[in-house]
Amino acid sequence: MRQVRFVEPGKLYHIIKEELDEAYFDVMSKGELIDRLHLKSFEHNLAKFVGTKYAVG
């Protein structure tokens, strides 16, 4: 059976805090939550990361 490694969100957040906060506030300040550039980019990158043609964010 394949083991799944757990992540610690608190530790991970501190590692990428500046980048994550900047992206969050950029999206939220523009109200671009659905069918916008950031979402399309996220879905594209997620699909590439997991090795599929499409992904839904």
PDB file of N, CA and C in Angstrom:
ATOM      1  N   MET A   1       0.843  -1.180   0.000  1.00  0.00           N
ATOM      2  CA  MET A   1       0.000   0.000   0.000  1.00  0.00           C
ATOM      3  C   MET A   1       0.892   1.249   0.000  1.00  0.00           C
ATOM      4  N   ARG A   2       0.504   2.203  -0.770  1.00  0.00           N
ATOM      5  CA  ARG A   2       1.262   3.451  -0.874  1.00  0.00           C
ATOM      6  C   ARG A   2       0.968   4.341   0.328  1.00  0.00           C
ATOM      7  N   GLN A   3       2.005   4.886   0.929  1.00  0.00           N
ATOM      8  CA  GLN A   3       1.817   5.778   2.063  1.00  0.00           C
ATOM      9  C   GLN A   3       1.720   7.217   1.578  1.00  0.00           C
ATOM     10  N   VAL A   4       0.839   7.955   2.205  1.00  0.00           N
ATOM     11  CA  VAL A   4       0.654   9.366   1.885  1.00  0.00           C
ATOM     12  C   VAL A   4       1.283  10.177   3.009  1.00  0.00           C
ATOM     13  N   ARG A   5       2.208  11.027   2.650  1.00  0.00           N
ATOM     14  CA  ARG A   5       2.844  11.874   3.658  1.00  0.00           C
ATOM     15  C   ARG A   5       1.902  12.999   4.056  1.00  0.00           C
ATOM     16  N   PHE A   6       1.846  13.280   5.328  1.00  0.00           N
ATOM     17  CA  PHE A   6       1.038  14.381   5.815  1.00  0.00           C
ATOM     18  C   PHE A   6       1.868  15.656   5.790  1.00  0.00           C
ATOM     19  N   VAL A   7       1.191  16.756   5.615  1.00  0.00           N
ATOM     20  CA  VAL A   7       1.872  18.046   5.650  1.00  0.00           C
ATOM     21  C   VAL A   7       1.397  18.806   6.875  1.00  0.00           C
ATOM     22  N   GLU A   8       2.204  19.725   7.303  1.00  0.00           N
ATOM     23  CA  GLU A   8       1.836  20.574   8.421  1.00  0.00           C
ATOM     24  C   GLU A   8       1.574  21.970   7.868  1.00  0.00           C
ATOM     25  N   PRO A   9       0.287  22.320   7.681  1.00  0.00           N
ATOM     26  CA  PRO A   9      -0.045  23.604   7.054  1.00  0.00           C
ATOM     27  C   PRO A   9       0.592  24.806   7.744  1.00  0.00           C
ATOM     28  N   GLY A  10       0.675  24.776   9.062  1.00  0.00           N
ATOM     29  CA  GLY A  10       1.272  25.897   9.786  1.00  0.00           C
ATOM     30  C   GLY A  10       2.723  26.123   9.404  1.00  0.00           C
ATOM     31  N   LYS A  11       3.495  25.050   9.344  1.00  0.00           N
ATOM     32  CA  LYS A  11       4.905  25.165   8.961  1.00  0.00           C
ATOM     33  C   LYS A  11       5.035  25.580   7.498  1.00  0.00           C
ATOM     34  N   LEU A  12       4.229  24.975   6.638  1.00  0.00           N
ATOM     35  CA  LEU A  12       4.273  25.305   5.220  1.00  0.00           C
ATOM     36  C   LEU A  12       3.902  26.765   4.990  1.00  0.00           C
ATOM     37  N   TYR A  13       2.885  27.257   5.704  1.00  0.00           N
ATOM     38  CA  TYR A  13       2.459  28.645   5.553  1.00  0.00           C
ATOM     39  C   TYR A  13       3.619  29.602   5.833  1.00  0.00           C
ATOM     40  N   HIS A  14       4.360  29.352   6.894  1.00  0.00           N
ATOM     41  CA  HIS A  14       5.462  30.256   7.242  1.00  0.00           C
ATOM     42  C   HIS A  14       6.566  30.243   6.189  1.00  0.00           C
ATOM     43  N   ILE A  15       6.712  29.131   5.487  1.00  0.00           N
ATOM     44  CA  ILE A  15       7.730  29.040   4.441  1.00  0.00           C
ATOM     45  C   ILE A  15       7.343  29.880   3.223  1.00  0.00           C
ATOM     46  N   ILE A  16       6.047  29.881   2.880  1.00  0.00           N
ATOM     47  CA  ILE A  16       5.593  30.583   1.669  1.00  0.00           C
ATOM     48  C   ILE A  16       4.673  31.757   1.988  1.00  0.00           C
ATOM     49  N   LYS A  17       4.735  32.263   3.226  1.00  0.00           N
ATOM     50  CA  LYS A  17       3.818  33.295   3.709  1.00  0.00           C
ATOM     51  C   LYS A  17       3.725  34.507   2.786  1.00  0.00           C
ATOM     52  N   GLU A  18       4.839  35.094   2.434  1.00  0.00           N
ATOM     53  CA  GLU A  18       4.802  36.317   1.625  1.00  0.00           C
ATOM     54  C   GLU A  18       4.135  36.077   0.278  1.00  0.00           C
ATOM     55  N   GLU A  19       4.521  35.009  -0.399  1.00  0.00           N
ATOM     56  CA  GLU A  19       3.950  34.695  -1.712  1.00  0.00           C
ATOM     57  C   GLU A  19       2.460  34.381  -1.605  1.00  0.00           C
ATOM     58  N   LEU A  20       2.082  33.606  -0.601  1.00  0.00           N
ATOM     59  CA  LEU A  20       0.682  33.229  -0.423  1.00  0.00           C
ATOM     60  C   LEU A  20      -0.179  34.433  -0.072  1.00  0.00           C
ATOM     61  N   ASP A  21       0.293  35.258   0.864  1.00  0.00           N
ATOM     62  CA  ASP A  21      -0.458  36.453   1.255  1.00  0.00           C
ATOM     63  C   ASP A  21      -0.636  37.408   0.081  1.00  0.00           C
ATOM     64  N   GLU A  22       0.417  37.599  -0.693  1.00  0.00           N
ATOM     65  CA  GLU A  22       0.347  38.499  -1.848  1.00  0.00           C
ATOM     66  C   GLU A  22      -0.692  38.007  -2.857  1.00  0.00           C
ATOM     67  N   ALA A  23      -0.667  36.717  -3.158  1.00  0.00           N
ATOM     68  CA  ALA A  23      -1.626  36.153  -4.113  1.00  0.00           C
ATOM     69  C   ALA A  23      -3.047  36.254  -3.571  1.00  0.00           C
ATOM     70  N   TYR A  24      -3.233  35.932  -2.300  1.00  0.00           N
ATOM     71  CA  TYR A  24      -4.562  35.987  -1.686  1.00  0.00           C
ATOM     72  C   TYR A  24      -5.130  37.400  -1.743  1.00  0.00           C
ATOM     73  N   PHE A  25      -4.364  38.375  -1.293  1.00  0.00           N
ATOM     74  CA  PHE A  25      -4.862  39.749  -1.262  1.00  0.00           C
ATOM     75  C   PHE A  25      -5.066  40.317  -2.664  1.00  0.00           C
ATOM     76  N   ASP A  26      -4.264  39.904  -3.619  1.00  0.00           N
ATOM     77  CA  ASP A  26      -4.445  40.343  -5.000  1.00  0.00           C
ATOM     78  C   ASP A  26      -5.784  39.851  -5.540  1.00  0.00           C
ATOM     79  N   VAL A  27      -6.063  38.578  -5.351  1.00  0.00           N
ATOM     80  CA  VAL A  27      -7.319  37.994  -5.838  1.00  0.00           C
ATOM     81  C   VAL A  27      -8.512  38.593  -5.098  1.00  0.00           C
ATOM     82  N   MET A  28      -8.437  38.657  -3.774  1.00  0.00           N
ATOM     83  CA  MET A  28      -9.570  39.140  -2.983  1.00  0.00           C
ATOM     84  C   MET A  28      -9.849  40.623  -3.223  1.00  0.00           C
ATOM     85  N   SER A  29      -8.819  41.433  -3.387  1.00  0.00           N
ATOM     86  CA  SER A  29      -9.034  42.868  -3.580  1.00  0.00           C
ATOM     87  C   SER A  29      -9.702  43.166  -4.914  1.00  0.00           C
ATOM     88  N   LYS A  30      -9.514  42.279  -5.891  1.00  0.00           N
ATOM     89  CA  LYS A  30     -10.138  42.458  -7.197  1.00  0.00           C
ATOM     90  C   LYS A  30     -11.473  41.735  -7.302  1.00  0.00           C
ATOM     91  N   GLY A  31     -11.767  40.870  -6.334  1.00  0.00           N
ATOM     92  CA  GLY A  31     -13.009  40.097  -6.373  1.00  0.00           C
ATOM     93  C   GLY A  31     -13.026  39.071  -7.491  1.00  0.00           C
ATOM     94  N   GLU A  32     -11.855  38.660  -7.939  1.00  0.00           N
ATOM     95  CA  GLU A  32     -11.762  37.728  -9.067  1.00  0.00           C
ATOM     96  C   GLU A  32     -11.695  36.288  -8.567  1.00  0.00           C
ATOM     97  N   LEU A  33     -12.842  35.773  -8.151  1.00  0.00           N
ATOM     98  CA  LEU A  33     -12.866  34.440  -7.558  1.00  0.00           C
ATOM     99  C   LEU A  33     -13.294  33.353  -8.531  1.00  0.00           C
ATOM    100  N   ILE A  34     -14.054  33.719  -9.550  1.00  0.00           N
ATOM    101  CA  ILE A  34     -14.610  32.705 -10.451  1.00  0.00           C
ATOM    102  C   ILE A  34     -14.253  33.043 -11.896  1.00  0.00           C
ATOM    103  N   ASP A  35     -13.733  32.046 -12.616  1.00  0.00           N
ATOM    104  CA  ASP A  35     -13.471  32.151 -14.057  1.00  0.00           C
ATOM    105  C   ASP A  35     -12.607  33.359 -14.432  1.00  0.00           C
ATOM    106  N   ARG A  36     -11.558  33.563 -13.675  1.00  0.00           N
ATOM    107  CA  ARG A  36     -10.657  34.677 -13.964  1.00  0.00           C
ATOM    108  C   ARG A  36      -9.242  34.166 -14.198  1.00  0.00           C
ATOM    109  N   LEU A  37      -8.347  35.052 -14.507  1.00  0.00           N
ATOM    110  CA  LEU A  37      -6.974  34.706 -14.871  1.00  0.00           C
ATOM    111  C   LEU A  37      -6.262  33.885 -13.794  1.00  0.00           C
ATOM    112  N   HIS A  38      -6.360  34.304 -12.527  1.00  0.00           N
ATOM    113  CA  HIS A  38      -5.669  33.580 -11.455  1.00  0.00           C
ATOM    114  C   HIS A  38      -6.189  32.152 -11.333  1.00  0.00           C
ATOM    115  N   LEU A  39      -7.500  31.980 -11.436  1.00  0.00           N
ATOM    116  CA  LEU A  39      -8.081  30.642 -11.326  1.00  0.00           C
ATOM    117  C   LEU A  39      -7.654  29.774 -12.495  1.00  0.00           C
ATOM    118  N   LYS A  40      -7.692  30.321 -13.683  1.00  0.00           N
ATOM    119  CA  LYS A  40      -7.280  29.557 -14.872  1.00  0.00           C
ATOM    120  C   LYS A  40      -5.811  29.145 -14.758  1.00  0.00           C
ATOM    121  N   SER A  41      -4.975  30.046 -14.274  1.00  0.00           N
ATOM    122  CA  SER A  41      -3.563  29.737 -14.086  1.00  0.00           C
ATOM    123  C   SER A  41      -3.390  28.635 -13.039  1.00  0.00           C
ATOM    124  N   PHE A  42      -4.132  28.742 -11.941  1.00  0.00           N
ATOM    125  CA  PHE A  42      -4.064  27.717 -10.898  1.00  0.00           C
ATOM    126  C   PHE A  42      -4.485  26.357 -11.439  1.00  0.00           C
ATOM    127  N   GLU A  43      -5.591  26.314 -12.162  1.00  0.00           N
ATOM    128  CA  GLU A  43      -6.086  25.048 -12.705  1.00  0.00           C
ATOM    129  C   GLU A  43      -5.088  24.442 -13.693  1.00  0.00           C
ATOM    130  N   HIS A  44      -4.494  25.276 -14.519  1.00  0.00           N
ATOM    131  CA  HIS A  44      -3.491  24.793 -15.474  1.00  0.00           C
ATOM    132  C   HIS A  44      -2.289  24.199 -14.740  1.00  0.00           C
ATOM    133  N   ASN A  45      -1.790  24.928 -13.753  1.00  0.00           N
ATOM    134  CA  ASN A  45      -0.626  24.462 -13.000  1.00  0.00           C
ATOM    135  C   ASN A  45      -0.941  23.215 -12.181  1.00  0.00           C
ATOM    136  N   LEU A  46      -2.142  23.133 -11.621  1.00  0.00           N
ATOM    137  CA  LEU A  46      -2.542  21.950 -10.858  1.00  0.00           C
ATOM    138  C   LEU A  46      -2.622  20.733 -11.766  1.00  0.00           C
ATOM    139  N   ALA A  47      -3.225  20.891 -12.930  1.00  0.00           N
ATOM    140  CA  ALA A  47      -3.325  19.779 -13.883  1.00  0.00           C
ATOM    141  C   ALA A  47      -1.935  19.304 -14.293  1.00  0.00           C
ATOM    142  N   LYS A  48      -1.052  20.239 -14.544  1.00  0.00           N
ATOM    143  CA  LYS A  48       0.319  19.886 -14.918  1.00  0.00           C
ATOM    144  C   LYS A  48       1.014  19.145 -13.770  1.00  0.00           C
ATOM    145  N   PHE A  49       0.805  19.616 -12.559  1.00  0.00           N
ATOM    146  CA  PHE A  49       1.443  19.024 -11.384  1.00  0.00           C
ATOM    147  C   PHE A  49       0.980  17.590 -11.144  1.00  0.00           C
ATOM    148  N   VAL A  50      -0.331  17.342 -11.301  1.00  0.00           N
ATOM    149  CA  VAL A  50      -0.851  15.990 -11.031  1.00  0.00           C
ATOM    150  C   VAL A  50      -0.838  15.106 -12.266  1.00  0.00           C
ATOM    151  N   GLY A  51      -0.463  15.666 -13.421  1.00  0.00           N
ATOM    152  CA  GLY A  51      -0.321  14.865 -14.630  1.00  0.00           C
ATOM    153  C   GLY A  51      -1.623  14.556 -15.339  1.00  0.00           C
ATOM    154  N   THR A  52      -2.548  15.518 -15.310  1.00  0.00           N
ATOM    155  CA  THR A  52      -3.810  15.346 -16.022  1.00  0.00           C
ATOM    156  C   THR A  52      -3.968  16.470 -17.034  1.00  0.00           C
ATOM    157  N   LYS A  53      -4.938  16.315 -17.916  1.00  0.00           N
ATOM    158  CA  LYS A  53      -5.181  17.338 -18.927  1.00  0.00           C
ATOM    159  C   LYS A  53      -5.922  18.537 -18.327  1.00  0.00           C
ATOM    160  N   TYR A  54      -6.820  18.279 -17.369  1.00  0.00           N
ATOM    161  CA  TYR A  54      -7.630  19.338 -16.762  1.00  0.00           C
ATOM    162  C   TYR A  54      -7.642  19.193 -15.246  1.00  0.00           C
ATOM    163  N   ALA A  55      -7.923  20.290 -14.564  1.00  0.00           N
ATOM    164  CA  ALA A  55      -8.122  20.288 -13.114  1.00  0.00           C
ATOM    165  C   ALA A  55      -9.134  21.378 -12.790  1.00  0.00           C
ATOM    166  N   VAL A  56      -9.860  21.187 -11.717  1.00  0.00           N
ATOM    167  CA  VAL A  56     -10.855  22.168 -11.287  1.00  0.00           C
ATOM    168  C   VAL A  56     -10.401  22.728  -9.953  1.00  0.00           C
ATOM    169  N   GLY A  57     -10.341  24.067  -9.885  1.00  0.00           N
ATOM    170  CA  GLY A  57      -9.858  24.705  -8.654  1.00  0.00           C
ATOM    171  C   GLY A  57     -10.962  25.267  -7.869  1.00  0.00           C
TER     172      GLY A  57
END
